C-alpha atoms as a PDB file:
ATOM      1  CA  MET A   1      43.569 -64.507  89.390  1.00  0.00           C
ATOM      2  CA  ALA A   2      43.656 -64.901  85.584  1.00  0.00           C
ATOM      3  CA  HIS A   3      45.262 -62.468  83.434  1.00  0.00           C
ATOM      4  CA  ILE A   4      42.897 -61.518  80.907  1.00  0.00           C
ATOM      5  CA  ASN A   5      45.302 -60.273  78.169  1.00  0.00           C
ATOM      6  CA  LEU A   6      42.678 -57.161  75.934  1.00  0.00           C
ATOM      7  CA  LEU A   7      45.071 -55.805  74.089  1.00  0.00           C
ATOM      8  CA  PRO A   8      44.602 -58.457  70.886  1.00  0.00           C
ATOM      9  CA  TRP A   9      41.397 -57.677  70.831  1.00  0.00           C
ATOM     10  CA  ARG A  10      41.325 -54.120  70.608  1.00  0.00           C
ATOM     11  CA  GLU A  11      44.388 -54.078  68.234  1.00  0.00           C
ATOM     12  CA  GLU A  12      41.822 -55.805  65.955  1.00  0.00           C
ATOM     13  CA  LEU A  13      38.837 -54.161  66.983  1.00  0.00           C
ATOM     14  CA  ARG A  14      40.658 -51.247  65.788  1.00  0.00           C
ATOM     15  CA  LYS A  15      41.721 -52.437  62.379  1.00  0.00           C
ATOM     16  CA  GLN A  16      38.835 -53.548  61.727  1.00  0.00           C
ATOM     17  CA  LYS A  17      36.894 -50.346  62.352  1.00  0.00           C
ATOM     18  CA  GLN A  18      39.765 -48.741  60.001  1.00  0.00           C
ATOM     19  CA  LYS A  19      39.256 -51.035  56.960  1.00  0.00           C
ATOM     20  CA  GLU A  20      35.426 -50.570  58.046  1.00  0.00           C
ATOM     21  CA  PHE A  21      36.631 -46.071  57.380  1.00  0.00           C
ATOM     22  CA  VAL A  22      37.920 -46.518  54.222  1.00  0.00           C
ATOM     23  CA  THR A  23      36.054 -49.516  52.717  1.00  0.00           C
ATOM     24  CA  THR A  24      33.199 -46.334  53.316  1.00  0.00           C
ATOM     25  CA  THR A  25      35.109 -43.630  52.316  1.00  0.00           C
ATOM     26  CA  VAL A  26      36.034 -44.864  49.100  1.00  0.00           C
ATOM     27  CA  VAL A  27      32.791 -46.334  48.042  1.00  0.00           C
ATOM     28  CA  SER A  28      31.556 -42.816  49.440  1.00  0.00           C
ATOM     29  CA  ALA A  29      34.353 -41.178  46.888  1.00  0.00           C
ATOM     30  CA  VAL A  30      32.710 -44.170  44.056  1.00  0.00           C
ATOM     31  CA  PHE A  31      29.329 -43.463  45.340  1.00  0.00           C
ATOM     32  CA  ALA A  32      30.105 -39.081  44.334  1.00  0.00           C
ATOM     33  CA  VAL A  33      31.622 -39.625  41.297  1.00  0.00           C
ATOM     34  CA  LEU A  34      29.129 -41.764  39.693  1.00  0.00           C
ATOM     35  CA  LEU A  35      26.942 -39.167  40.826  1.00  0.00           C
ATOM     36  CA  VAL A  36      28.640 -36.472  39.487  1.00  0.00           C
ATOM     37  CA  PHE A  37      28.753 -38.040  36.934  1.00  0.00           C
ATOM     38  CA  ALA A  38      25.096 -39.125  36.991  1.00  0.00           C
ATOM     39  CA  VAL A  39      24.422 -35.506  37.519  1.00  0.00           C
ATOM     40  CA  HIS A  40      26.844 -34.097  34.700  1.00  0.00           C
ATOM     41  CA  LEU A  41      24.748 -36.544  31.812  1.00  0.00           C
ATOM     42  CA  PHE A  42      22.013 -34.906  33.384  1.00  0.00           C
ATOM     43  CA  VAL A  43      22.295 -31.824  32.485  1.00  0.00           C
ATOM     44  CA  ASN A  44      24.177 -32.096  29.437  1.00  0.00           C
ATOM     45  CA  GLY A  45      21.179 -33.891  28.111  1.00  0.00           C
ATOM     46  CA  LYS A  46      18.936 -30.826  29.601  1.00  0.00           C
ATOM     47  CA  ILE A  47      21.075 -28.496  27.827  1.00  0.00           C
ATOM     48  CA  SER A  48      21.210 -30.505  24.376  1.00  0.00           C
ATOM     49  CA  PHE A  49      17.431 -30.641  24.665  1.00  0.00           C
ATOM     50  CA  GLN A  50      16.727 -26.938  25.700  1.00  0.00           C
ATOM     51  CA  ASN A  51      18.977 -26.094  22.660  1.00  0.00           C
ATOM     52  CA  TYR A  52      17.058 -28.705  19.921  1.00  0.00           C
ATOM     53  CA  ARG A  53      14.175 -26.821  20.972  1.00  0.00           C
ATOM     54  CA  ASN A  54      15.466 -23.129  21.120  1.00  0.00           C
ATOM     55  CA  GLU A  55      16.931 -23.928  17.184  1.00  0.00           C
ATOM     56  CA  PHE A  56      13.212 -25.252  16.389  1.00  0.00           C
ATOM     57  CA  LEU A  57      11.732 -22.131  17.854  1.00  0.00           C
ATOM     58  CA  GLN A  58      14.371 -20.652  15.883  1.00  0.00           C
ATOM     59  CA  SER A  59      12.988 -21.761  12.793  1.00  0.00           C
ATOM     60  CA  GLU A  60       9.912 -21.698  13.077  1.00  0.00           C
ATOM     61  CA  ILE A  61      10.631 -17.528  14.235  1.00  0.00           C
ATOM     62  CA  ASN A  62      11.749 -17.420  10.920  1.00  0.00           C
ATOM     63  CA  ILE A  63       8.703 -19.243   9.166  1.00  0.00           C
ATOM     64  CA  LEU A  64       6.845 -16.534  11.109  1.00  0.00           C
ATOM     65  CA  ASP A  65       9.107 -13.680   9.737  1.00  0.00           C
ATOM     66  CA  LYS A  66       8.711 -14.686   6.676  1.00  0.00           C
ATOM     67  CA  ARG A  67       4.983 -14.869   6.718  1.00  0.00           C
ATOM     68  CA  ILE A  68       4.842 -11.841   7.838  1.00  0.00           C
ATOM     69  CA  LYS A  69       7.225  -9.961   5.599  1.00  0.00           C
ATOM     70  CA  ARG A  70       4.694 -11.653   3.270  1.00  0.00           C
ATOM     71  CA  ILE A  71       1.493 -10.485   4.972  1.00  0.00           C
ATOM     72  CA  GLU A  72       3.041  -6.861   5.188  1.00  0.00           C
ATOM     73  CA  ASP A  73       3.727  -6.771   1.448  1.00  0.00           C
ATOM     74  CA  LEU A  74       0.300  -7.855   0.333  1.00  0.00           C
ATOM     75  CA  GLU A  75      -1.331  -4.772   2.697  1.00  0.00           C
ATOM     76  CA  SER A  76       1.182  -2.249   1.127  1.00  0.00           C
ATOM     77  CA  MET A  77      -0.092  -3.437  -2.274  1.00  0.00           C
ATOM     78  CA  LYS A  78      -3.474  -3.453  -1.182  1.00  0.00           C
ATOM     79  CA  GLN A  79      -2.991   0.279   0.521  1.00  0.00           C
ATOM     80  CA  GLY A  80      -1.826   1.330  -3.567  1.00  0.00           C
ATOM     81  CA  LEU A  81      -4.959  -1.186  -5.138  1.00  0.00           C
ATOM     82  CA  LEU A  82      -7.391   0.899  -3.200  1.00  0.00           C
ATOM     83  CA  ALA A  83      -5.416   4.256  -3.246  1.00  0.00           C
ATOM     84  CA  ARG A  84      -5.444   3.686  -7.130  1.00  0.00           C
ATOM     85  CA  MET A  85      -9.490   2.384  -6.793  1.00  0.00           C
ATOM     86  CA  ASN A  86     -10.337   5.826  -4.786  1.00  0.00           C
ATOM     87  CA  VAL A  87      -7.843   7.659  -7.448  1.00  0.00           C
ATOM     88  CA  ILE A  88      -9.861   5.828 -10.324  1.00  0.00           C
ATOM     89  CA  GLN A  89     -13.587   6.518  -8.240  1.00  0.00           C
ATOM     90  CA  ASP A  90     -12.491   9.605  -8.214  1.00  0.00           C
ATOM     91  CA  LEU A  91     -12.074  10.457 -11.771  1.00  0.00           C
ATOM     92  CA  GLN A  92     -14.976   8.912 -12.198  1.00  0.00           C
ATOM     93  CA  SER A  93     -17.042  11.113 -10.387  1.00  0.00           C
ATOM     94  CA  SER A  94     -15.398  14.567 -11.542  1.00  0.00           C
ATOM     95  CA  ARG A  95     -15.534  13.044 -15.371  1.00  0.00           C
ATOM     96  CA  PRO A  96     -18.896  14.987 -15.462  1.00  0.00           C
ATOM     97  CA  GLU A  97     -17.471  17.327 -13.967  1.00  0.00           C
ATOM     98  CA  SER A  98     -15.131  18.851 -16.767  1.00  0.00           C
ATOM     99  CA  VAL A  99     -17.825  18.593 -18.956  1.00  0.00           C
ATOM    100  CA  HIS A 100     -20.118  20.931 -16.870  1.00  0.00           C
ATOM    101  CA  MET A 101     -17.132  22.931 -16.663  1.00  0.00           C
ATOM    102  CA  MET A 102     -16.350  23.467 -20.116  1.00  0.00           C
ATOM    103  CA  ASP A 103     -20.044  24.661 -20.950  1.00  0.00           C
ATOM    104  CA  GLU A 104     -19.721  26.593 -17.750  1.00  0.00           C
ATOM    105  CA  LEU A 105     -16.311  28.812 -19.036  1.00  0.00           C
ATOM    106  CA  VAL A 106     -18.310  29.480 -22.643  1.00  0.00           C
ATOM    107  CA  ARG A 107     -21.539  30.926 -21.354  1.00  0.00           C
ATOM    108  CA  SER A 108     -19.750  33.604 -18.290  1.00  0.00           C
ATOM    109  CA  LEU A 109     -17.891  34.709 -21.191  1.00  0.00           C
ATOM    110  CA  PRO A 110     -19.236  38.030 -22.000  1.00  0.00           C
ATOM    111  CA  ASP A 111     -19.316  39.557 -25.479  1.00  0.00           C
ATOM    112  CA  GLY A 112     -15.645  40.677 -26.185  1.00  0.00           C
ATOM    113  CA  VAL A 113     -13.341  38.696 -23.899  1.00  0.00           C
ATOM    114  CA  PHE A 114     -11.536  35.591 -25.180  1.00  0.00           C
ATOM    115  CA  ILE A 115      -9.357  33.337 -23.179  1.00  0.00           C
ATOM    116  CA  ASN A 116      -5.656  32.158 -24.711  1.00  0.00           C
ATOM    117  CA  THR A 117      -4.731  29.464 -22.174  1.00  0.00           C
ATOM    118  CA  PHE A 118      -6.724  27.477 -19.778  1.00  0.00           C
ATOM    119  CA  THR A 119      -5.313  25.535 -16.712  1.00  0.00           C
ATOM    120  CA  GLN A 120      -6.594  23.919 -13.616  1.00  0.00           C
ATOM    121  CA  GLN A 121      -4.109  22.167 -10.745  1.00  0.00           C
ATOM    122  CA  ASN A 122      -6.529  20.750  -8.405  1.00  0.00           C
ATOM    123  CA  ARG A 123      -9.397  22.825  -7.914  1.00  0.00           C
ATOM    124  CA  ASN A 124      -7.537  26.190  -8.298  1.00  0.00           C
ATOM    125  CA  LEU A 125      -8.051  27.740 -12.150  1.00  0.00           C
ATOM    126  CA  THR A 126      -5.568  29.953 -13.582  1.00  0.00           C
ATOM    127  CA  LEU A 127      -7.031  31.903 -16.355  1.00  0.00           C
ATOM    128  CA  LYS A 128      -5.375  33.901 -19.739  1.00  0.00           C
ATOM    129  CA  GLY A 129      -7.559  35.756 -21.761  1.00  0.00           C
ATOM    130  CA  VAL A 130      -7.622  39.166 -23.567  1.00  0.00           C
ATOM    131  CA  ALA A 131     -10.978  41.239 -23.190  1.00  0.00           C
ATOM    132  CA  GLN A 132     -11.528  44.377 -25.414  1.00  0.00           C
ATOM    133  CA  SER A 133     -11.826  46.661 -22.333  1.00  0.00           C
ATOM    134  CA  ASN A 134     -11.348  46.890 -18.707  1.00  0.00           C
ATOM    135  CA  ALA A 135     -15.082  46.958 -18.176  1.00  0.00           C
ATOM    136  CA  ARG A 136     -15.354  43.233 -19.546  1.00  0.00           C
ATOM    137  CA  VAL A 137     -13.342  41.736 -17.626  1.00  0.00           C
ATOM    138  CA  SER A 138     -15.576  42.772 -14.874  1.00  0.00           C
ATOM    139  CA  ASP A 139     -18.422  41.774 -16.671  1.00  0.00           C
ATOM    140  CA  TYR A 140     -16.134  38.196 -16.723  1.00  0.00           C
ATOM    141  CA  MET A 141     -15.439  38.264 -12.979  1.00  0.00           C
ATOM    142  CA  ARG A 142     -19.487  38.899 -11.930  1.00  0.00           C
ATOM    143  CA  ASN A 143     -20.290  36.148 -14.321  1.00  0.00           C
ATOM    144  CA  ILE A 144     -18.063  33.856 -12.935  1.00  0.00           C
ATOM    145  CA  ASP A 145     -19.190  35.491  -9.529  1.00  0.00           C
ATOM    146  CA  SER A 146     -22.055  34.466  -9.957  1.00  0.00           C
ATOM    147  CA  SER A 147     -21.835  30.282 -11.381  1.00  0.00           C
ATOM    148  CA  GLU A 148     -22.318  27.232  -9.597  1.00  0.00           C
ATOM    149  CA  TRP A 149     -19.534  25.661 -11.495  1.00  0.00           C
ATOM    150  CA  PHE A 150     -16.806  28.612 -10.117  1.00  0.00           C
ATOM    151  CA  SER A 151     -16.302  31.036  -7.332  1.00  0.00           C
ATOM    152  CA  ASP A 152     -13.064  33.432  -5.539  1.00  0.00           C
ATOM    153  CA  PRO A 153     -12.432  35.550  -9.304  1.00  0.00           C
ATOM    154  CA  ARG A 154      -8.629  37.297  -7.997  1.00  0.00           C
ATOM    155  CA  LEU A 155      -7.931  39.880 -11.136  1.00  0.00           C
ATOM    156  CA  ASP A 156      -3.993  38.534 -11.213  1.00  0.00           C
ATOM    157  CA  GLN A 157      -3.053  41.151 -13.877  1.00  0.00           C
ATOM    158  CA  ILE A 158      -3.921  43.532 -16.824  1.00  0.00           C
ATOM    159  CA  ARG A 159      -2.191  44.724 -19.075  1.00  0.00           C
ATOM    160  CA  THR A 160      -4.016  47.686 -21.615  1.00  0.00           C
ATOM    161  CA  THR A 161      -2.069  47.970 -25.041  1.00  0.00           C
ATOM    162  CA  GLU A 162      -3.071  48.617 -28.472  1.00  0.00           C
ATOM    163  CA  ASP A 163      -3.311  46.329 -31.494  1.00  0.00           C
ATOM    164  CA  ASN A 164      -4.466  48.279 -34.836  1.00  0.00           C
ATOM    165  CA  ARG A 165      -4.847  51.332 -33.400  1.00  0.00           C
ATOM    166  CA  ARG A 166      -7.615  49.086 -30.770  1.00  0.00           C
ATOM    167  CA  ARG A 167      -6.930  49.123 -27.114  1.00  0.00           C
ATOM    168  CA  ILE A 168      -6.854  45.532 -25.950  1.00  0.00           C
ATOM    169  CA  ALA A 169      -6.274  44.409 -22.065  1.00  0.00           C
ATOM    170  CA  ASN A 170      -4.782  41.322 -21.737  1.00  0.00           C
ATOM    171  CA  PHE A 171      -5.237  39.476 -17.962  1.00  0.00           C
ATOM    172  CA  THR A 172      -4.642  36.762 -15.622  1.00  0.00           C
ATOM    173  CA  LEU A 173      -7.328  35.653 -13.693  1.00  0.00           C
ATOM    174  CA  ARG A 174      -7.716  32.855 -10.912  1.00  0.00           C
ATOM    175  CA  GLY A 175     -10.205  31.515  -9.360  1.00  0.00           C
ATOM    176  CA  SER A 176     -11.091  27.969  -8.307  1.00  0.00           C
ATOM    177  CA  GLN A 177     -14.215  25.615  -9.011  1.00  0.00           C
ATOM    178  CA  ARG A 178     -16.824  24.754  -6.293  1.00  0.00           C
ATOM    179  CA  ALA A 179     -17.011  21.660  -4.127  1.00  0.00           C
ATOM    180  CA  ARG A 180     -20.195  20.416  -6.182  1.00  0.00           C
ATOM    181  CA  ASP A 181     -22.601  17.520  -4.242  1.00  0.00           C
ATOM    182  CA  LYS A 182     -22.577  14.902  -5.514  1.00  0.00           C
ATOM    183  CA  SER A 183     -26.317  14.085  -4.984  1.00  0.00           C
ATOM    184  CA  THR A 184     -26.605  17.179  -6.722  1.00  0.00           C
ATOM    185  CA  ASP A 185     -24.525  16.695  -9.551  1.00  0.00           C
ATOM    186  CA  GLU A 186     -26.708  13.269 -10.129  1.00  0.00           C
ATOM    187  CA  ALA A 187     -29.954  14.665  -9.771  1.00  0.00           C
ATOM    188  CA  GLY A 188     -29.394  18.039 -12.109  1.00  0.00           C
ATOM    189  CA  SER A 189     -27.103  15.641 -14.982  1.00  0.00           C
ATOM    190  CA  GLY A 190     -30.348  13.338 -14.643  1.00  0.00           C
ATOM    191  CA  GLY A 191     -28.080  10.169 -15.543  1.00  0.00           C
ATOM    192  CA  GLU A 192     -26.831  12.543 -18.917  1.00  0.00           C
ATOM    193  CA  LEU A 193     -24.103  13.087 -19.976  1.00  0.00           C
END
Protein backbone atom coordinates (compact mmCIF):
# COMPACT_ATOMS: atom_id res chain seq x y z
CA MET A 1 0.00 0.00 0.00
CA ALA A 2 1.12 3.44 -0.71
CA HIS A 3 1.77 5.97 1.92
CA ILE A 4 0.17 9.33 1.39
CA ASN A 5 1.20 12.20 3.60
CA LEU A 6 -1.80 14.45 4.24
CA LEU A 7 -0.06 16.70 6.77
CA PRO A 8 1.21 19.38 4.39
CA TRP A 9 -2.24 19.76 2.86
CA ARG A 10 -3.87 20.25 6.23
CA GLU A 11 -1.14 22.66 7.21
CA GLU A 12 -1.72 24.69 4.08
CA LEU A 13 -5.47 24.61 4.59
CA ARG A 14 -5.00 25.85 8.17
CA LYS A 15 -2.70 28.66 6.99
CA GLN A 16 -5.14 29.63 4.26
CA LYS A 17 -8.09 29.71 6.72
CA GLN A 18 -6.01 31.71 9.15
CA LYS A 19 -5.13 34.16 6.39
CA GLU A 20 -8.79 34.46 5.40
CA PHE A 21 -9.74 35.02 9.03
CA VAL A 22 -7.19 37.80 9.45
CA THR A 23 -8.25 39.37 6.14
CA THR A 24 -11.93 39.16 7.09
CA THR A 25 -11.20 40.61 10.49
CA VAL A 26 -9.15 43.49 9.03
CA VAL A 27 -11.78 44.17 6.36
CA SER A 28 -14.55 44.02 8.98
CA ALA A 29 -12.60 46.37 11.26
CA VAL A 30 -11.97 48.81 8.39
CA PHE A 31 -15.64 48.56 7.37
CA ALA A 32 -16.73 49.13 11.01
CA VAL A 33 -14.45 52.17 11.29
CA LEU A 34 -15.80 53.54 8.00
CA LEU A 35 -19.38 52.83 9.13
CA VAL A 36 -18.81 54.61 12.50
CA PHE A 37 -17.20 57.55 10.68
CA ALA A 38 -20.12 57.74 8.22
CA VAL A 39 -22.66 57.59 11.07
CA HIS A 40 -20.69 60.26 12.93
CA LEU A 41 -20.73 62.53 9.85
CA PHE A 42 -24.43 61.87 9.32
CA VAL A 43 -25.32 62.65 12.95
CA ASN A 44 -23.14 65.77 12.96
CA GLY A 45 -24.84 66.89 9.75
CA LYS A 46 -28.27 66.36 11.33
CA ILE A 47 -27.20 68.24 14.47
CA SER A 48 -25.84 71.13 12.39
CA PHE A 49 -29.04 71.23 10.33
CA GLN A 50 -31.19 71.15 13.50
CA ASN A 51 -29.08 73.94 15.05
CA TYR A 52 -29.59 75.99 11.88
CA ARG A 53 -33.34 75.37 12.08
CA ASN A 54 -33.37 76.30 15.77
CA GLU A 55 -31.52 79.56 15.05
CA PHE A 56 -33.93 80.33 12.22
CA LEU A 57 -36.94 79.63 14.46
CA GLN A 58 -35.44 81.74 17.26
CA SER A 59 -34.91 84.66 14.89
CA GLU A 60 -38.52 84.33 13.68
CA ILE A 61 -39.73 84.13 17.29
CA ASN A 62 -37.79 87.32 18.09
CA ILE A 63 -39.41 89.06 15.11
CA LEU A 64 -42.86 87.89 16.25
CA ASP A 65 -42.13 88.98 19.84
CA LYS A 66 -41.34 92.47 18.55
CA ARG A 67 -44.59 92.48 16.56
CA ILE A 68 -46.56 91.26 19.59
CA LYS A 69 -44.99 94.00 21.70
CA ARG A 70 -45.96 96.56 19.07
CA ILE A 71 -49.51 95.16 18.97
CA GLU A 72 -49.71 95.38 22.77
CA ASP A 73 -48.49 98.98 22.62
CA LEU A 74 -51.09 99.78 19.98
CA GLU A 75 -53.76 98.02 22.04
CA SER A 76 -52.90 100.06 25.14
CA MET A 77 -52.85 103.22 23.00
CA LYS A 78 -56.27 102.23 21.65
CA GLN A 79 -57.61 101.71 25.18
CA GLY A 80 -56.25 105.11 26.19
CA LEU A 81 -57.88 106.76 23.19
CA LEU A 82 -61.19 104.99 23.87
CA ALA A 83 -61.05 106.15 27.49
CA ARG A 84 -60.42 109.72 26.33
CA MET A 85 -63.24 109.47 23.82
CA ASN A 86 -65.59 108.23 26.58
CA VAL A 87 -64.57 111.13 28.82
CA ILE A 88 -65.17 113.57 25.97
CA GLN A 89 -68.55 112.00 25.22
CA ASP A 90 -69.49 112.15 28.90
CA LEU A 91 -68.44 115.79 29.05
CA GLN A 92 -70.31 116.51 25.83
CA SER A 93 -73.47 114.85 27.14
CA SER A 94 -73.19 116.51 30.56
CA ARG A 95 -72.54 119.97 29.15
CA PRO A 96 -76.23 120.96 29.15
CA GLU A 97 -76.61 119.46 32.63
CA SER A 98 -74.41 122.13 34.20
CA VAL A 99 -76.56 124.88 32.67
CA HIS A 100 -79.75 123.24 33.90
CA MET A 101 -78.20 122.58 37.29
CA MET A 102 -77.15 126.21 37.78
CA ASP A 103 -80.56 127.38 36.63
CA GLU A 104 -82.25 124.99 39.07
CA LEU A 105 -79.87 126.10 41.82
CA VAL A 106 -81.11 129.69 41.41
CA ARG A 107 -84.78 128.69 41.06
CA SER A 108 -84.79 126.55 44.18
CA LEU A 109 -83.36 129.32 46.40
CA PRO A 110 -86.06 130.84 48.61
CA ASP A 111 -85.95 134.50 49.61
CA GLY A 112 -83.51 135.17 52.40
CA VAL A 113 -81.08 132.35 51.47
CA PHE A 114 -77.72 133.08 49.86
CA ILE A 115 -75.16 130.57 48.59
CA ASN A 116 -71.50 131.46 49.23
CA THR A 117 -69.79 128.38 47.81
CA PHE A 118 -70.94 125.55 45.63
CA THR A 119 -68.76 122.50 44.91
CA GLN A 120 -69.46 119.42 42.87
CA GLN A 121 -67.48 116.21 42.90
CA ASN A 122 -68.90 113.68 40.45
CA ARG A 123 -72.60 113.81 41.33
CA ASN A 124 -72.09 114.91 44.96
CA LEU A 125 -72.85 118.52 45.78
CA THR A 126 -71.81 120.70 48.72
CA LEU A 127 -73.53 124.04 49.29
CA LYS A 128 -72.38 126.56 51.89
CA GLY A 129 -74.37 129.67 52.49
CA VAL A 130 -76.19 132.09 54.76
CA ALA A 131 -79.90 132.23 55.55
CA GLN A 132 -82.01 134.71 57.49
CA SER A 133 -83.39 131.88 59.63
CA ASN A 134 -83.37 128.13 60.14
CA ALA A 135 -86.84 127.96 58.59
CA ARG A 136 -85.46 129.37 55.34
CA VAL A 137 -82.84 126.59 55.29
CA SER A 138 -85.66 124.05 55.75
CA ASP A 139 -87.57 125.63 52.85
CA TYR A 140 -84.44 125.41 50.73
CA MET A 141 -84.02 121.72 51.58
CA ARG A 142 -87.66 121.04 50.60
CA ASN A 143 -87.11 122.88 47.31
CA ILE A 144 -83.99 120.82 46.61
CA ASP A 145 -85.86 117.60 47.40
CA SER A 146 -88.69 118.49 45.01
CA SER A 147 -86.27 119.58 42.28
CA GLU A 148 -85.87 117.48 39.16
CA TRP A 149 -82.09 118.10 39.10
CA PHE A 150 -81.18 117.65 42.77
CA SER A 151 -81.96 115.00 45.36
CA ASP A 152 -81.18 113.76 48.83
CA PRO A 153 -80.49 117.05 50.70
CA ARG A 154 -78.67 116.55 54.01
CA LEU A 155 -77.89 119.31 56.45
CA ASP A 156 -74.30 118.94 57.64
CA GLN A 157 -74.04 121.98 59.79
CA ILE A 158 -76.02 125.03 60.79
CA ARG A 159 -74.72 127.76 63.11
CA THR A 160 -76.72 130.70 64.18
CA THR A 161 -74.75 133.90 64.69
CA GLU A 162 -75.58 137.55 65.10
CA ASP A 163 -74.50 140.17 62.62
CA ASN A 164 -75.46 143.82 63.24
CA ARG A 165 -78.14 142.74 65.72
CA ARG A 166 -79.64 140.34 63.19
CA ARG A 167 -79.58 136.60 63.58
CA ILE A 168 -78.27 134.71 60.59
CA ALA A 169 -77.78 130.99 60.01
CA ASN A 170 -74.59 129.78 58.37
CA PHE A 171 -75.24 126.36 56.89
CA THR A 172 -73.61 123.55 54.96
CA LEU A 173 -75.83 121.30 52.85
CA ARG A 174 -74.87 118.17 51.01
CA GLY A 175 -76.88 116.60 48.23
CA SER A 176 -76.55 114.87 44.94
CA GLN A 177 -77.33 115.55 41.35
CA ARG A 178 -80.00 113.31 39.90
CA ALA A 179 -78.94 111.03 37.09
CA ARG A 180 -80.82 112.25 34.08
CA ASP A 181 -82.07 110.02 31.31
CA LYS A 182 -80.48 111.21 28.06
CA SER A 183 -83.68 110.73 26.09
CA THR A 184 -85.54 112.90 28.63
CA ASP A 185 -82.85 115.59 28.35
CA GLU A 186 -82.95 115.60 24.58
CA ALA A 187 -86.77 115.70 24.50
CA GLY A 188 -86.89 118.33 27.25
CA SER A 189 -84.22 120.58 25.80
CA GLY A 190 -85.62 120.55 22.27
CA GLY A 191 -82.09 120.89 20.92
CA GLU A 192 -81.57 124.27 22.60
CA LEU A 193 -78.76 125.21 24.95
